[in-house]
Protein backbone atom coordinates (compact mmCIF):
# COMPACT_ATOMS: atom_id res chain seq x y z
CA MET A 1 -39.53 -10.63 -12.98
CA PRO A 2 -42.50 -9.15 -11.08
CA ALA A 3 -42.72 -5.31 -11.24
CA LEU A 4 -41.75 -3.31 -8.23
CA PRO A 5 -44.71 -2.03 -6.18
CA ARG A 6 -45.50 1.56 -6.94
CA LEU A 7 -44.44 2.76 -3.43
CA ALA A 8 -41.15 1.00 -3.88
CA VAL A 9 -40.53 2.75 -7.19
CA LEU A 10 -41.39 6.04 -5.70
CA GLY A 11 -39.11 5.46 -2.75
CA LEU A 12 -36.24 4.58 -5.03
CA ALA A 13 -36.73 7.82 -6.94
CA LEU A 14 -36.93 9.86 -3.81
CA TRP A 15 -33.74 8.23 -2.52
CA SER A 16 -31.93 9.01 -5.73
CA ALA A 17 -32.99 12.70 -5.73
CA LEU A 18 -31.95 13.04 -2.16
CA ALA A 19 -28.55 11.67 -3.00
CA ILE A 20 -28.13 13.92 -5.88
CA ALA A 21 -29.26 16.89 -3.77
CA GLU A 22 -26.85 15.93 -0.89
CA PRO A 23 -25.58 19.27 0.41
CA ASP A 24 -21.91 20.14 -0.09
CA PRO A 25 -20.42 20.43 3.47
CA LEU A 26 -18.00 23.09 2.15
CA ASP A 27 -20.78 25.04 0.43
CA SER A 28 -18.92 25.61 -2.71
CA ALA A 29 -20.60 27.05 -5.82
CA ARG A 30 -18.30 24.91 -7.87
CA TRP A 31 -19.09 21.49 -6.34
CA GLY A 32 -21.79 20.76 -9.07
CA ASP A 33 -19.24 21.38 -11.79
CA MET A 34 -16.56 19.19 -10.00
CA ARG A 35 -19.09 16.31 -9.71
CA ALA A 36 -19.91 16.55 -13.42
CA GLN A 37 -16.31 16.96 -14.68
CA LEU A 38 -14.37 14.51 -12.59
CA PHE A 39 -16.76 11.61 -12.06
CA ALA A 40 -18.93 9.48 -14.35
CA ALA A 41 -22.56 10.26 -14.41
CA GLU A 42 -23.31 6.79 -12.99
CA ALA A 43 -20.70 6.85 -10.32
CA THR A 44 -21.64 6.75 -6.60
CA VAL A 45 -20.05 9.83 -4.93
CA VAL A 46 -20.72 10.52 -1.17
CA PHE A 47 -19.33 13.02 1.16
CA ASP A 48 -17.50 11.08 3.91
CA PRO A 49 -15.82 12.44 7.15
CA ARG A 50 -13.55 9.38 7.04
CA VAL A 51 -11.62 11.07 4.25
CA SER A 52 -9.43 13.79 6.04
CA VAL A 53 -7.99 16.76 4.18
CA THR A 54 -5.76 19.14 6.29
CA GLY A 55 -4.22 22.28 5.27
CA PRO A 56 -3.63 25.90 6.65
CA LEU A 57 -6.69 27.88 7.19
CA THR A 58 -4.83 30.73 5.69
CA ALA A 59 -1.98 30.07 3.19
CA GLU A 60 0.53 32.99 2.99
CA ASP A 61 2.34 31.45 0.05
CA ALA A 62 -0.16 30.40 -2.72
CA MET A 63 2.65 28.61 -4.55
CA ASN A 64 3.44 26.31 -1.57
CA VAL A 65 0.27 25.21 0.21
CA PRO A 66 0.81 22.24 2.48
CA ILE A 67 -1.84 19.61 2.14
CA ALA A 68 -2.21 16.23 3.89
CA VAL A 69 -4.78 13.49 2.72
CA ASP A 70 -5.67 10.61 4.97
CA ALA A 71 -8.14 7.91 3.81
CA THR A 72 -6.81 5.19 6.04
CA ALA A 73 -10.30 4.96 7.87
CA LEU A 74 -11.87 3.53 4.79
CA PRO A 75 -11.44 -0.09 3.74
CA GLU A 76 -9.67 -1.12 0.56
CA VAL A 77 -8.85 2.25 -0.86
CA VAL A 78 -7.97 1.72 -4.55
CA GLU A 79 -7.24 5.44 -5.68
CA VAL A 80 -7.36 8.79 -4.36
CA LEU A 81 -8.04 11.90 -6.58
CA VAL A 82 -7.25 15.42 -5.18
CA PHE A 83 -8.66 18.52 -6.62
CA ALA A 84 -9.25 22.21 -5.87
CA ASP A 85 -12.68 23.63 -6.90
CA PHE A 86 -11.55 27.23 -7.91
CA ASN A 87 -8.18 26.39 -9.48
CA PRO A 88 -7.96 26.99 -13.32
CA ILE A 89 -6.63 23.47 -13.40
CA THR A 90 -8.68 21.70 -10.93
CA LYS A 91 -6.87 18.27 -10.88
CA VAL A 92 -3.94 18.31 -8.50
CA LEU A 93 -2.75 14.76 -8.22
CA ALA A 94 -3.99 11.11 -7.93
CA PHE A 95 -2.32 8.40 -6.04
CA ARG A 96 -2.89 4.66 -5.76
CA PRO A 97 -1.71 3.34 -2.28
CA LYS A 98 -0.81 -0.19 -3.28
CA ALA A 99 1.44 -1.37 -0.45
CA ALA A 100 1.60 1.99 1.33
CA ARG A 101 -1.04 3.47 3.65
CA ALA A 102 -3.83 5.39 1.91
CA GLU A 103 -2.38 8.89 2.85
CA LEU A 104 -0.09 11.34 1.34
CA ALA A 105 1.34 14.79 2.16
CA PHE A 106 2.38 17.19 -0.58
CA ARG A 107 2.37 20.89 -1.46
CA ILE A 108 0.12 22.61 -4.02
CA LYS A 109 -0.39 25.89 -5.94
CA LEU A 110 -3.71 27.77 -5.45
CA GLN A 111 -4.96 30.52 -7.73
CA GLN A 112 -7.51 31.71 -5.20
CA SER A 113 -9.23 30.79 -2.03
CA SER A 114 -10.71 27.28 -2.66
CA PRO A 115 -11.95 24.10 -1.19
CA VAL A 116 -9.23 21.39 -1.52
CA ARG A 117 -10.90 17.93 -1.75
CA ALA A 118 -9.73 14.30 -1.87
CA ALA A 119 -12.03 11.58 -3.33
CA ALA A 120 -11.12 8.06 -2.38
CA ARG A 121 -12.40 5.28 -4.50
CA THR A 122 -12.93 1.96 -2.59
CA ALA A 123 -12.91 -1.53 -4.00
CA ASP A 124 -16.69 -1.41 -4.31
CA GLY A 125 -16.49 1.57 -6.75
CA VAL A 126 -17.88 4.32 -4.46
CA TRP A 127 -16.14 7.54 -4.26
CA HIS A 128 -15.83 9.01 -0.70
CA VAL A 129 -15.18 12.76 -0.60
CA GLY A 130 -13.62 14.91 2.10
CA GLY A 131 -12.11 18.41 1.94
CA THR A 132 -11.24 21.64 3.55
CA TRP A 133 -11.35 25.33 2.64
CA VAL A 134 -7.93 27.09 2.21
CA ILE A 135 -7.95 31.01 2.16
CA THR A 136 -5.20 32.70 0.19
CA THR A 137 -4.42 35.80 -1.60
CA GLY A 138 -3.82 33.68 -4.71
CA GLY A 139 -1.96 33.90 -7.91
CA GLY A 140 0.01 30.56 -7.39
CA CYS A 141 -1.00 29.01 -10.74
CA THR A 142 -0.22 32.04 -13.11
CA VAL A 143 3.28 33.17 -11.93
CA PRO A 144 6.50 31.52 -13.32
CA SER A 145 8.30 29.05 -11.08
CA THR A 146 11.51 30.34 -9.59
CA GLY A 147 13.45 27.62 -11.27
CA SER A 148 12.37 28.58 -14.62
CA ALA A 149 14.51 31.80 -14.29
CA SER A 150 17.65 29.88 -13.16
CA PRO A 151 19.83 27.64 -15.45
CA GLU A 152 20.68 25.36 -12.52
CA TRP A 153 17.31 23.51 -12.68
CA GLN A 154 18.34 22.17 -16.14
CA ARG A 155 21.44 20.65 -14.66
CA ARG A 156 19.60 19.11 -11.61
CA LEU A 157 16.24 18.36 -13.39
CA ASN A 158 14.57 15.35 -11.75
CA GLU A 159 17.13 15.00 -9.19
CA VAL A 160 15.71 13.06 -6.11
CA SER A 161 16.64 13.43 -2.54
CA GLY A 162 14.86 11.77 0.33
CA ARG A 163 14.85 10.03 3.68
CA ILE A 164 13.57 6.94 5.13
CA TRP A 165 12.92 6.60 8.96
CA SER A 166 11.20 4.25 11.41
CA ARG A 167 8.21 5.02 13.54
CA PRO A 168 6.22 2.79 15.90
CA GLU A 169 3.32 2.77 13.37
CA GLY A 170 5.68 1.86 10.44
CA ASN A 171 8.25 3.40 8.14
CA ARG A 172 7.90 6.84 6.74
CA VAL A 173 9.36 7.98 3.29
CA ARG A 174 9.91 11.58 2.19
CA LEU A 175 11.00 12.47 -1.38
CA ARG A 176 11.84 15.84 -2.98
CA ILE A 177 12.24 15.96 -6.78
CA ILE A 178 13.95 18.99 -8.43
CA HIS A 179 11.39 20.08 -11.21
CA PRO A 180 9.93 23.54 -12.07
CA MET A 181 6.29 22.23 -12.34
CA ASP A 182 5.30 25.22 -14.72
CA THR A 183 1.50 25.25 -15.21
CA GLY A 184 1.66 26.81 -18.61
CA LEU A 185 -0.60 29.66 -17.46
CA ALA A 186 2.45 32.19 -17.03
CA ALA A 187 3.19 34.25 -20.14
CA SER A 188 5.58 32.58 -22.60
CA ILE A 189 6.31 29.56 -20.32
CA PRO A 190 4.76 26.35 -21.53
CA ALA A 191 3.49 23.62 -19.19
CA PHE A 192 6.24 21.51 -17.82
CA TYR A 193 5.46 19.11 -14.96
CA ILE A 194 5.99 15.65 -13.59
CA GLU A 195 3.28 13.35 -14.77
CA GLN A 196 3.94 9.92 -13.22
CA LEU A 197 5.84 8.32 -10.48
CA ALA A 198 6.11 4.97 -9.07
CA ILE A 199 7.84 4.15 -5.69
CA THR A 200 8.93 0.60 -5.10
CA ASP A 201 11.00 -1.19 -2.40
CA GLY A 202 14.00 -3.38 -2.72
CA GLN A 203 11.96 -6.46 -3.44
CA GLN A 204 10.30 -4.45 -6.49
CA ARG A 205 7.06 -4.35 -4.56
CA VAL A 206 5.06 -1.16 -5.62
CA LEU A 207 4.46 0.96 -2.47
CA MET A 208 2.64 3.84 -4.24
CA GLU A 209 1.88 5.38 -7.74
CA ILE A 210 1.31 9.04 -8.17
CA ASP A 211 -0.10 10.91 -11.16
CA ALA A 212 0.85 14.60 -10.78
CA PHE A 213 -0.69 17.56 -12.56
CA GLU A 214 0.35 21.17 -12.99
CA PRO A 215 -0.87 22.46 -9.65
CA VAL A 216 1.66 20.37 -7.70
CA SER A 217 4.17 22.76 -6.27
CA GLU A 218 7.66 23.41 -7.76
CA ASN A 219 10.20 20.87 -6.52
CA PRO A 220 7.62 18.47 -5.34
CA LEU A 221 7.85 17.09 -1.88
CA PHE A 222 5.91 13.90 -1.09
CA THR A 223 5.60 12.09 2.32
CA LEU A 224 4.00 8.59 2.50
CA ASP A 225 3.58 6.31 5.28
CA LEU A 226 3.93 2.41 5.23
CA PRO A 227 2.11 -0.07 7.42
CA PRO A 228 4.02 -2.16 9.96
CA THR A 229 3.65 -5.16 7.66
CA VAL A 230 6.16 -3.47 5.30
CA THR A 231 9.38 -4.54 7.07
CA ASP A 232 13.04 -4.54 6.23
CA LEU A 233 12.91 -1.40 4.21
CA VAL A 234 16.39 -0.44 3.41
CA SER A 235 15.76 1.61 0.22
CA VAL A 236 13.19 2.74 -2.20
CA GLN A 237 13.37 3.17 -5.98
CA ILE A 238 11.67 6.20 -7.60
CA THR A 239 10.81 6.08 -11.31
CA GLY A 240 8.69 8.17 -13.60
CA ARG A 241 8.70 10.81 -16.30
CA ASP A 242 7.46 14.33 -16.83
CA ASN A 243 5.32 15.67 -19.75
CA ASN A 244 8.34 16.19 -22.00
CA GLY A 245 9.54 12.63 -21.62
CA ASN A 246 12.34 13.34 -19.21
CA LYS A 247 12.87 10.27 -16.84
CA VAL A 248 13.03 10.11 -13.15
CA ASN A 249 15.18 7.23 -11.93
CA ALA A 250 16.65 7.34 -8.40
CA GLN A 251 17.19 5.39 -5.18
CA VAL A 252 16.83 6.71 -1.64
CA GLU A 253 18.52 4.84 1.05
CA ARG A 254 17.73 4.72 4.80
């Protein structure tokens, strides 16, 4: 195989250096750490405005910060990873859209003001990153959940409620699961959180898979949208487990 011309080699080296030095649009001092910790060294990671992350400019309740991620402008999204640069536990959740649209709304805990980002991996292996800054007084990750002080959550643990409704652009599914989602960072309260969820339809077709981590808010609330091609949706089945092995198994009907 003939050697590349010297100018071509220099050009490739310059392109690689520029890619590595691509400035963070959110100007976070932690972006370099996030890049190193969450992605393989050889992975292609690019900032992409087609990945939309929306949240409040200022969050009054650091334990319940509403976030919505929309990567539907990208083709063939395989997986989406959500993380917060300045959280003590940076990973928030990951989801795989399967038959659902590549978007998800949920609530998170923030320890301090931070960029909240979503990285969407497309079928070609490229990670596309978008994000937004959320300002908050903080403390959301190091205070006990309200449920941990009440005996009722033990009786209702992993209880699921929800709703399915039609829209012109497709069905929407909203789910709420009773769980304290303790981070393990509050004194004398161990980490206790939902780890995995799978949402399927009546034909056992997987709509979405969710891997949750400690920063997801107490009593998680998830909203997902389905494309018009998913028709005749009468009910959805929710299965999963938490980090103590407690099962989630419920059905939500229209």
